[in-house]
Amino acid sequence: MAEYKLLLPSMGEGVMEATVITWLFNEGDQVKEDDSVVEIATDKVDSDVPTPVSGKIVKILKQKDEVAKVGEAIAILEIEGEGGNTASEDVKAETSAPDAATIQAIEEPLTATATSHVEFSGDLYLSPLVKSIAQQENISESELQTIKGSGLEGRITKEDILAHVANRGNQPAPQAAPVQAASTPAVKAVSTPAATISTAAGDEIIPMDRMRKIIAENMVKAKHIAPHVTSFIETDVTNVVKWRAKNKDMFEKREGEKLTFMPIFVKAIVKAIQDFPMINVSINGENIIKKKNINIGMATALPDGNLIVPVIKNADQLSLSGLAKAINDLAYRARNKKLRPEDTQGATYTISNVGSFGNLMGTPIIPQPQVAIMAIGAIVKKPAVLETKDGDVIAIRQLMFMSHSYDHRVVDGSLGGMMLKHVHDYLENWDLNTEI
C-alpha cells in the first residue's frame, strides 16, 4: 500500500486559498476516483474537490472552517501500489514562515467580528485570508503595494503579509501620495451602525449563512463606494418575441439546448458596449482602467435564496448560439453548485433579469469594481401607439422596461443614457431573419 496526499487544486486566477466547509467522507472511508470528497469555499463560490485516485482516507489534514492554500495537502489516502506523492514533491514552500508567536498574534483576532473594513481596489488580487489580515492590521492599499509577493504572478501570500507585519516596526512608514485639489476623496472604511433590535414572542432568529454574509458585505461596500444613478427606458421587443418563438424548437432539437431571451439581451448589450467602451471600465484611485475584454456577469438566483454572478467570458467573441450554450451551462452549474471559482471572476459589466420574477423593473446595485449594471424587466403585452404611413394606430405589442444603473464618478447621464438607448434600439430593430 502507498500513501497519497490529496492536494487543494488550483481554482483560477487570483484564488490562492479556500476554506473547508464540510467533509463528505470520514477517516477510514473508501473513496473512488472522481468522488467528491470535500466541499470548499472561496469568497466567490462554493465547490467540491474530487479525488483523482481510489483509496481509503487515513487522515484528514484540514478540518471544517480551516483554510488551505492551493497546492497544500488536505488529506492523506492509502492507495494500492508502491510509492506515491510526497509533500516535498507536490508542495513547495513559497517563503519562510514567521515564528509561531507572530502567527498566533495575527491570526487570533481574525476570529473576532471586525467593526470596519479597509477597501482595496479590484486590481489587487488578495485571498480572503490575506485581505482579513490586512484589515485587522490596518494595512492600507499603498502599503500592500510595497510588499513583494512570492505567490503566483507575484501575488501576496499569507506568509508574505505575516512576515511584513512581523518586520513592520523596522520599516519606514509608506509615504502618502499627494492629493490634487480635484481628486476623488479616498474611500473610508465601511462600518455598519450599531442598532438595537427588539424581538417579540414568536420571532425567529435565523443566522446568516456564509454566502449571505458575503453578499451583505459586498452590497454595503458597493453602495458606499459608487454614487448610483439609474436611467429607465421602455422597449418594444415584439420582434424579439416573434424571432424566439420561430427558432426555439428548431434550436432545441438541433443543439439540445433551451433558447431563452437572455442571449439576445446579452448580444444587444455587448454591441452597445462596443459603441460606448467607456462603460466597460473600472476605477483604481484616480485612474480609469479601460477593459479590453467584454466579460458579462449574469446575476443568478440560487435555490437556497442566495445570489451568485457567473461570468460569460469574452462575450463579444461568441455567436448567439455560443451565448445560449454558455448562459445555459453557467445557470445550470450555478443552481447545482458546480461552478468553479474562476467562473465568477473577471466580469466587466453585469445584467440582472428581474423580469424572471415577474417584476417590471429594478434598480440593481453595481458590483465592484464595475461601473454599470442593467436590469431587464418582464415582457408584457400592452396597447401601444405605432406610427405607420397611413397615420398612428393602436396595436398590441410586447413591451419591456430596462433600467441602467451606473457609477456617477465616471459615467454621466449622457453616457449612461445613450448606452441604454442603443440597447433599446438593437432590441426594437431585431431582424426576424437573424440566424442562430
Protein backbone atom coordinates (compact mmCIF):
# COMPACT_ATOMS: atom_id res chain seq x y z
CA MET A 1 0.00 0.00 0.00
CA ALA A 2 1.14 3.54 -0.70
CA GLU A 3 0.37 6.96 0.71
CA TYR A 4 -1.23 9.63 -1.48
CA LYS A 5 -1.56 13.26 -0.46
CA LEU A 6 -4.79 14.89 -1.71
CA LEU A 7 -3.93 18.48 -2.60
CA LEU A 8 -6.15 21.55 -2.83
CA PRO A 9 -6.32 22.09 -6.61
CA SER A 10 -5.87 25.35 -8.50
CA MET A 11 -9.15 27.28 -8.51
CA GLY A 12 -8.47 30.01 -11.04
CA GLU A 13 -6.65 33.30 -11.29
CA GLY A 14 -6.40 35.23 -8.04
CA VAL A 15 -7.69 32.39 -5.84
CA MET A 16 -4.88 31.20 -3.61
CA GLU A 17 -6.78 29.79 -0.62
CA ALA A 18 -10.08 28.16 0.30
CA THR A 19 -11.96 27.31 3.47
CA VAL A 20 -13.12 23.77 4.21
CA ILE A 21 -16.92 23.72 4.58
CA THR A 22 -17.53 20.03 5.20
CA TRP A 23 -16.02 16.65 4.51
CA LEU A 24 -18.28 14.29 2.57
CA PHE A 25 -16.35 11.24 3.83
CA ASN A 26 -14.78 10.37 7.17
CA GLU A 27 -11.40 8.94 8.07
CA GLY A 28 -11.44 5.24 7.29
CA ASP A 29 -13.94 5.58 4.41
CA GLN A 30 -13.19 4.15 0.99
CA VAL A 31 -13.45 6.59 -1.94
CA LYS A 32 -13.41 6.03 -5.68
CA GLU A 33 -11.64 8.02 -8.35
CA ASP A 34 -13.55 11.26 -9.13
CA ASP A 35 -15.65 11.05 -5.95
CA SER A 36 -16.26 14.49 -4.44
CA VAL A 37 -14.69 14.21 -1.00
CA VAL A 38 -14.85 17.73 0.45
CA GLU A 39 -16.79 20.96 -0.04
CA ILE A 40 -14.70 24.13 -0.04
CA ALA A 41 -15.48 27.83 -0.23
CA THR A 42 -13.70 30.88 -1.55
CA ASP A 43 -15.02 34.43 -1.24
CA LYS A 44 -16.81 33.88 -4.57
CA VAL A 45 -18.20 30.39 -4.81
CA ASP A 46 -18.61 27.02 -3.12
CA SER A 47 -17.34 23.93 -4.93
CA ASP A 48 -16.41 20.29 -4.45
CA VAL A 49 -12.94 18.74 -4.60
CA PRO A 50 -12.83 15.30 -6.26
CA THR A 51 -10.15 12.73 -5.59
CA PRO A 52 -8.05 11.74 -8.64
CA VAL A 53 -7.40 8.28 -7.16
CA SER A 54 -9.27 5.48 -5.40
CA GLY A 55 -8.31 4.55 -1.87
CA LYS A 56 -9.03 4.90 1.85
CA ILE A 57 -8.93 8.21 3.69
CA VAL A 58 -6.50 7.58 6.53
CA LYS A 59 -6.11 11.17 7.77
CA ILE A 60 -7.91 14.47 7.23
CA LEU A 61 -5.37 17.29 7.48
CA LYS A 62 -7.70 20.29 7.19
CA GLN A 63 -10.78 20.31 9.36
CA LYS A 64 -14.02 22.22 8.92
CA ASP A 65 -13.55 26.03 8.81
CA GLU A 66 -9.78 25.69 8.38
CA VAL A 67 -8.05 27.46 5.48
CA ALA A 68 -5.87 25.64 2.96
CA LYS A 69 -3.60 27.08 0.29
CA VAL A 70 -3.65 25.95 -3.32
CA GLY A 71 -1.24 23.02 -3.59
CA GLU A 72 -1.40 22.22 0.12
CA ALA A 73 -2.27 18.68 1.28
CA ILE A 74 -5.74 18.46 2.81
CA ALA A 75 -5.95 14.69 3.35
CA ILE A 76 -3.90 11.51 3.14
CA LEU A 77 -5.22 8.48 1.25
CA GLU A 78 -4.00 4.92 1.30
CA ILE A 79 -3.89 3.52 -2.24
CA GLU A 80 -2.87 0.31 -3.97
CA GLY A 81 0.67 0.10 -5.35
CA GLU A 82 4.07 1.37 -4.36
CA GLY A 83 5.33 4.87 -3.95
CA GLY A 84 3.02 7.87 -4.04
CA ASN A 85 3.38 11.58 -3.90
CA THR A 86 5.12 13.32 -1.06
CA ALA A 87 4.88 16.76 0.39
CA SER A 88 8.30 17.66 -0.97
CA GLU A 89 7.31 16.63 -4.48
CA ASP A 90 3.92 18.34 -4.60
CA VAL A 91 4.08 21.34 -2.34
CA LYS A 92 6.94 23.80 -2.39
CA ALA A 93 7.20 26.39 0.33
CA GLU A 94 6.67 29.86 -1.08
CA THR A 95 8.62 31.66 1.62
CA SER A 96 9.97 31.13 5.12
CA ALA A 97 7.23 31.41 7.70
CA PRO A 98 7.48 33.75 10.70
CA ASP A 99 7.69 32.31 14.19
CA ALA A 100 4.67 30.74 15.87
CA ALA A 101 4.17 33.67 18.25
CA THR A 102 3.83 36.09 15.36
CA ILE A 103 1.33 33.85 13.56
CA GLN A 104 -0.75 33.44 16.72
CA ALA A 105 -0.73 37.17 17.42
CA ILE A 106 -2.09 37.88 13.94
CA GLU A 107 -4.49 35.03 13.43
CA GLU A 108 -6.26 35.15 16.80
CA PRO A 109 -8.00 38.48 16.12
CA LEU A 110 -9.37 37.10 12.83
CA THR A 111 -11.97 35.13 14.77
CA ALA A 112 -13.48 38.32 16.16
CA THR A 113 -16.09 40.39 14.33
CA ALA A 114 -14.45 43.39 12.71
CA THR A 115 -16.11 46.78 13.16
CA SER A 116 -14.72 48.25 9.96
CA HIS A 117 -13.21 47.15 6.69
CA VAL A 118 -10.41 48.71 4.68
CA GLU A 119 -11.25 48.93 0.99
CA PHE A 120 -8.89 47.57 -1.66
CA SER A 121 -9.17 48.08 -5.41
CA GLY A 122 -10.36 45.19 -7.54
CA ASP A 123 -6.98 45.06 -9.28
CA LEU A 124 -5.19 43.88 -6.12
CA TYR A 125 -5.57 40.10 -6.08
CA LEU A 126 -5.95 39.26 -2.39
CA SER A 127 -7.17 35.98 -0.99
CA PRO A 128 -9.86 36.17 1.73
CA LEU A 129 -7.33 35.37 4.47
CA VAL A 130 -4.75 37.90 3.25
CA LYS A 131 -7.49 40.54 2.99
CA SER A 132 -8.65 39.75 6.53
CA ILE A 133 -5.13 40.09 7.90
CA ALA A 134 -4.69 43.41 6.08
CA GLN A 135 -7.96 44.69 7.53
CA GLN A 136 -7.15 43.57 11.06
CA GLU A 137 -3.68 45.14 10.88
CA ASN A 138 -4.94 48.33 9.18
CA ILE A 139 -2.62 47.83 6.23
CA SER A 140 -3.53 50.32 3.53
CA GLU A 141 -3.54 49.59 -0.19
CA SER A 142 -0.46 51.76 -0.69
CA GLU A 143 1.36 49.74 1.99
CA LEU A 144 0.24 46.46 0.43
CA GLN A 145 1.76 47.56 -2.86
CA THR A 146 5.16 47.76 -1.15
CA ILE A 147 5.03 44.06 -0.21
CA LYS A 148 6.87 41.80 -2.63
CA GLY A 149 4.60 38.82 -3.18
CA SER A 150 6.10 35.35 -3.52
CA GLY A 151 2.95 33.68 -4.85
CA LEU A 152 1.74 33.04 -8.37
CA GLU A 153 2.47 36.04 -10.61
CA GLY A 154 3.86 37.95 -7.64
CA ARG A 155 0.70 37.77 -5.53
CA ILE A 156 0.83 38.31 -1.78
CA THR A 157 0.55 35.10 0.24
CA LYS A 158 -0.32 34.62 3.88
CA GLU A 159 3.36 34.14 4.69
CA ASP A 160 4.29 37.36 2.86
CA ILE A 161 1.87 39.51 4.83
CA LEU A 162 2.68 37.84 8.15
CA ALA A 163 6.39 38.44 7.54
CA HIS A 164 5.63 42.05 6.62
CA VAL A 165 3.69 42.57 9.85
CA ALA A 166 6.44 40.93 11.91
CA ASN A 167 9.02 43.36 10.45
CA ARG A 168 6.70 46.33 10.23
CA GLY A 169 8.28 48.22 13.06
CA ASN A 170 11.68 48.06 11.36
CA GLN A 171 10.47 49.59 8.09
CA PRO A 172 9.76 53.23 7.31
CA ALA A 173 6.07 54.01 7.00
CA PRO A 174 4.91 54.35 3.40
CA GLN A 175 4.58 57.93 2.26
CA ALA A 176 1.09 59.05 1.30
CA ALA A 177 0.72 60.19 -2.28
CA PRO A 178 -0.03 63.91 -2.73
CA VAL A 179 -3.72 64.64 -3.27
CA GLN A 180 -4.71 67.01 -6.04
CA ALA A 181 -7.42 69.53 -5.40
CA ALA A 182 -9.81 67.99 -7.94
CA SER A 183 -9.19 64.39 -6.97
CA THR A 184 -11.87 61.98 -5.79
CA PRO A 185 -11.79 61.67 -1.98
CA ALA A 186 -10.38 58.39 -0.72
CA VAL A 187 -12.98 55.83 0.27
CA LYS A 188 -13.04 55.43 4.03
CA ALA A 189 -13.58 52.23 5.96
CA VAL A 190 -17.07 50.78 5.75
CA SER A 191 -18.81 50.37 9.08
CA THR A 192 -22.33 49.26 9.89
CA PRO A 193 -24.04 51.45 12.52
CA ALA A 194 -24.99 49.54 15.62
CA ALA A 195 -28.75 49.22 16.11
CA THR A 196 -30.78 47.79 18.94
CA ILE A 197 -33.30 45.35 17.51
CA SER A 198 -36.12 44.25 19.75
CA THR A 199 -37.75 40.85 19.39
CA ALA A 200 -41.21 39.71 20.28
CA ALA A 201 -42.61 36.37 21.32
CA GLY A 202 -42.67 34.02 18.35
CA ASP A 203 -39.96 35.85 16.37
CA GLU A 204 -37.47 33.52 14.73
CA ILE A 205 -33.77 34.36 14.72
CA ILE A 206 -32.07 32.99 11.59
CA PRO A 207 -28.27 33.28 11.46
CA MET A 208 -26.93 34.35 8.07
CA ASP A 209 -25.12 31.61 6.20
CA ARG A 210 -21.62 32.23 4.85
CA MET A 211 -22.76 33.28 1.37
CA ARG A 212 -25.41 35.68 2.71
CA LYS A 213 -22.77 37.35 4.88
CA ILE A 214 -20.54 37.83 1.82
CA ILE A 215 -23.45 39.22 -0.23
CA ALA A 216 -24.40 41.62 2.57
CA GLU A 217 -20.85 42.89 2.96
CA ASN A 218 -20.35 43.31 -0.80
CA MET A 219 -23.63 45.19 -1.23
CA VAL A 220 -22.83 47.63 1.58
CA LYS A 221 -19.38 48.24 0.10
CA ALA A 222 -20.77 48.73 -3.41
CA LYS A 223 -23.33 51.33 -2.29
CA HIS A 224 -20.72 53.04 -0.13
CA ILE A 225 -18.16 53.28 -2.93
CA ALA A 226 -20.24 54.18 -6.00
CA PRO A 227 -22.76 57.04 -6.29
CA HIS A 228 -25.59 55.29 -8.16
CA VAL A 229 -27.67 56.91 -10.89
CA THR A 230 -30.37 54.99 -12.78
CA SER A 231 -31.96 55.63 -16.19
CA PHE A 232 -35.08 53.86 -17.49
CA ILE A 233 -36.49 53.09 -20.90
CA GLU A 234 -39.46 51.08 -22.25
CA THR A 235 -38.66 48.89 -25.25
CA ASP A 236 -40.85 47.20 -27.84
CA VAL A 237 -39.46 43.67 -28.10
CA THR A 238 -42.21 42.26 -30.30
CA ASN A 239 -39.71 41.23 -32.98
CA VAL A 240 -37.53 39.52 -30.37
CA VAL A 241 -40.51 37.53 -29.06
CA LYS A 242 -41.55 36.51 -32.58
CA TRP A 243 -37.99 35.52 -33.53
CA ARG A 244 -37.55 33.35 -30.44
CA ALA A 245 -40.93 31.67 -30.96
CA LYS A 246 -39.91 30.86 -34.53
CA ASN A 247 -36.48 29.43 -33.61
CA LYS A 248 -36.69 27.88 -30.14
CA ASP A 249 -37.98 24.43 -31.17
CA MET A 250 -35.50 24.13 -34.03
CA PHE A 251 -32.63 25.22 -31.78
CA GLU A 252 -33.52 22.77 -29.02
CA LYS A 253 -33.83 19.92 -31.49
CA ARG A 254 -30.51 20.79 -33.14
CA GLU A 255 -28.43 21.70 -30.08
CA GLY A 256 -30.27 20.03 -27.21
CA GLU A 257 -30.36 23.45 -25.51
CA LYS A 258 -33.17 25.80 -24.46
CA LEU A 259 -33.28 29.13 -26.28
CA THR A 260 -34.13 31.84 -23.74
CA PHE A 261 -34.28 35.60 -24.18
CA MET A 262 -31.03 36.10 -22.26
CA PRO A 263 -28.58 35.51 -25.16
CA ILE A 264 -30.47 38.11 -27.19
CA PHE A 265 -30.24 40.65 -24.36
CA VAL A 266 -26.55 39.91 -23.85
CA LYS A 267 -25.89 40.28 -27.59
CA ALA A 268 -27.55 43.72 -27.63
CA ILE A 269 -25.63 44.82 -24.51
CA VAL A 270 -22.30 43.68 -25.97
CA LYS A 271 -22.95 45.66 -29.16
CA ALA A 272 -23.81 48.74 -27.10
CA ILE A 273 -20.63 48.34 -25.02
CA GLN A 274 -18.66 48.24 -28.26
CA ASP A 275 -20.37 51.53 -29.19
CA PHE A 276 -19.56 53.03 -25.78
CA PRO A 277 -16.39 51.33 -24.47
CA MET A 278 -16.08 53.77 -21.55
CA ILE A 279 -18.88 51.79 -19.89
CA ASN A 280 -16.50 48.80 -19.80
CA VAL A 281 -14.13 50.32 -17.24
CA SER A 282 -13.05 50.17 -13.61
CA ILE A 283 -11.70 52.82 -11.24
CA ASN A 284 -8.35 52.47 -9.50
CA GLY A 285 -7.77 55.51 -7.31
CA GLU A 286 -7.61 58.44 -9.73
CA ASN A 287 -7.11 56.23 -12.77
CA ILE A 288 -9.71 54.74 -15.10
CA ILE A 289 -8.89 51.26 -16.38
CA LYS A 290 -10.46 50.64 -19.78
CA LYS A 291 -11.02 46.91 -20.12
CA LYS A 292 -10.05 45.12 -23.31
CA ASN A 293 -12.24 42.07 -22.73
CA ILE A 294 -16.03 42.20 -22.51
CA ASN A 295 -17.00 39.76 -19.77
CA ILE A 296 -20.68 39.80 -18.89
CA GLY A 297 -21.77 38.89 -15.36
CA MET A 298 -25.16 37.21 -15.14
CA ALA A 299 -26.94 37.60 -11.79
CA THR A 300 -28.42 34.18 -10.93
CA ALA A 301 -30.79 33.33 -8.09
CA LEU A 302 -29.98 30.11 -6.27
CA PRO A 303 -32.47 27.59 -4.85
CA ASP A 304 -31.45 28.50 -1.28
CA GLY A 305 -32.39 32.15 -1.84
CA ASN A 306 -28.84 33.42 -2.27
CA LEU A 307 -27.39 35.11 -5.33
CA ILE A 308 -24.32 34.44 -7.44
CA VAL A 309 -22.96 36.08 -10.60
CA PRO A 310 -21.27 33.67 -13.04
CA VAL A 311 -19.40 35.34 -15.88
CA ILE A 312 -19.65 34.89 -19.65
CA LYS A 313 -16.02 35.38 -20.66
CA ASN A 314 -15.26 37.23 -23.94
CA ALA A 315 -18.96 37.54 -24.73
CA ASP A 316 -18.16 39.70 -27.75
CA GLN A 317 -16.47 36.71 -29.41
CA LEU A 318 -19.49 34.40 -29.08
CA SER A 319 -22.29 33.89 -31.59
CA LEU A 320 -25.91 33.79 -30.48
CA SER A 321 -25.67 30.02 -30.35
CA GLY A 322 -22.46 30.22 -28.33
CA LEU A 323 -24.03 32.70 -25.90
CA ALA A 324 -27.08 30.46 -25.44
CA LYS A 325 -24.89 27.48 -24.59
CA ALA A 326 -22.63 29.47 -22.26
CA ILE A 327 -25.60 31.00 -20.43
CA ASN A 328 -27.40 27.67 -20.02
CA ASP A 329 -24.22 25.98 -18.80
CA LEU A 330 -23.42 28.67 -16.23
CA ALA A 331 -27.01 28.87 -14.96
CA TYR A 332 -27.23 25.08 -14.58
CA ARG A 333 -23.91 24.79 -12.76
CA ALA A 334 -24.73 27.77 -10.53
CA ARG A 335 -28.02 26.22 -9.38
CA ASN A 336 -26.38 22.84 -8.83
CA LYS A 337 -23.27 24.13 -7.00
CA LYS A 338 -20.97 23.08 -9.84
CA LEU A 339 -19.34 26.45 -10.55
CA ARG A 340 -15.57 26.79 -10.34
CA PRO A 341 -14.14 29.91 -8.64
CA GLU A 342 -12.90 31.24 -12.00
CA ASP A 343 -16.50 31.12 -13.30
CA THR A 344 -17.37 34.07 -11.06
CA GLN A 345 -14.31 36.24 -11.71
CA GLY A 346 -13.45 38.97 -14.17
CA ALA A 347 -16.85 40.47 -15.02
CA THR A 348 -16.65 43.90 -16.62
CA TYR A 349 -20.41 44.54 -16.89
CA THR A 350 -23.44 42.78 -15.38
CA ILE A 351 -27.03 42.04 -16.40
CA SER A 352 -29.84 41.20 -13.97
CA ASN A 353 -33.05 39.64 -15.29
CA VAL A 354 -35.61 40.87 -12.74
CA GLY A 355 -38.33 40.02 -15.26
CA SER A 356 -37.87 36.34 -14.48
CA PHE A 357 -39.67 37.06 -11.18
CA GLY A 358 -42.48 38.95 -12.91
CA ASN A 359 -41.02 42.35 -11.94
CA LEU A 360 -41.45 45.24 -14.37
CA MET A 361 -38.20 46.99 -13.44
CA GLY A 362 -35.49 47.19 -10.82
CA THR A 363 -32.55 49.29 -9.66
CA PRO A 364 -29.75 46.77 -9.02
CA ILE A 365 -26.55 47.58 -7.15
CA ILE A 366 -23.40 47.91 -9.25
CA PRO A 367 -20.93 45.09 -8.43
CA GLN A 368 -17.48 46.40 -7.65
CA PRO A 369 -15.20 47.12 -9.43
CA GLN A 370 -17.59 47.51 -12.40
CA VAL A 371 -19.25 50.85 -13.12
CA ALA A 372 -22.63 49.81 -14.54
CA ILE A 373 -25.35 47.15 -14.46
CA MET A 374 -28.54 46.68 -16.48
CA ALA A 375 -31.81 45.22 -15.24
CA ILE A 376 -34.23 43.59 -17.69
CA GLY A 377 -37.91 43.66 -16.71
CA ALA A 378 -40.82 41.35 -17.54
CA ILE A 379 -42.15 41.30 -21.11
CA VAL A 380 -45.82 42.35 -21.03
CA LYS A 381 -48.44 42.68 -23.77
CA LYS A 382 -49.76 46.26 -23.88
CA PRO A 383 -51.60 48.54 -26.29
CA ALA A 384 -49.10 50.90 -27.92
CA VAL A 385 -49.24 53.69 -30.48
CA LEU A 386 -47.48 52.83 -33.75
CA GLU A 387 -46.57 55.25 -36.47
CA THR A 388 -47.46 53.98 -39.96
CA LYS A 389 -47.50 55.57 -43.42
CA ASP A 390 -51.26 55.86 -43.02
CA GLY A 391 -51.05 57.54 -39.62
CA ASP A 392 -50.93 56.46 -35.99
CA VAL A 393 -52.59 53.21 -34.94
CA ILE A 394 -53.03 51.38 -31.64
CA ALA A 395 -51.75 47.80 -31.59
CA ILE A 396 -50.97 45.07 -29.07
CA ARG A 397 -47.20 44.96 -28.61
CA GLN A 398 -44.68 43.13 -26.38
CA LEU A 399 -43.17 45.82 -24.15
CA MET A 400 -40.39 45.65 -21.58
CA PHE A 401 -38.74 48.11 -19.20
CA MET A 402 -34.96 48.27 -18.86
CA SER A 403 -33.04 50.16 -16.19
CA HIS A 404 -29.39 51.13 -16.33
CA SER A 405 -27.60 51.89 -13.04
CA TYR A 406 -24.18 53.49 -13.35
CA ASP A 407 -21.39 54.93 -11.23
CA HIS A 408 -21.63 58.72 -11.44
CA ARG A 409 -17.94 59.11 -10.61
CA VAL A 410 -17.07 58.20 -14.20
CA VAL A 411 -20.38 57.68 -16.04
CA ASP A 412 -22.53 60.75 -16.54
CA GLY A 413 -26.18 60.77 -17.59
CA SER A 414 -25.33 61.30 -21.24
CA LEU A 415 -23.09 58.22 -21.49
CA GLY A 416 -25.29 56.04 -19.27
CA GLY A 417 -28.44 57.12 -21.10
CA MET A 418 -27.02 56.76 -24.62
CA MET A 419 -25.72 53.29 -23.87
CA LEU A 420 -29.20 52.29 -22.66
CA LYS A 421 -30.80 53.81 -25.75
CA HIS A 422 -28.51 51.79 -28.03
CA VAL A 423 -29.52 48.54 -26.28
CA HIS A 424 -33.13 49.65 -26.76
CA ASP A 425 -32.57 50.31 -30.48
CA TYR A 426 -30.84 46.97 -31.09
CA LEU A 427 -33.75 45.11 -29.49
CA GLU A 428 -36.53 47.12 -31.14
CA ASN A 429 -34.93 46.66 -34.57
CA TRP A 430 -34.16 42.97 -34.12
CA ASP A 431 -34.03 41.27 -37.52
CA LEU A 432 -36.59 38.44 -37.78
CA ASN A 433 -34.21 36.71 -40.18
CA THR A 434 -31.28 36.60 -37.76
CA GLU A 435 -29.60 33.21 -37.95
CA ILE A 436 -28.67 31.10 -34.99
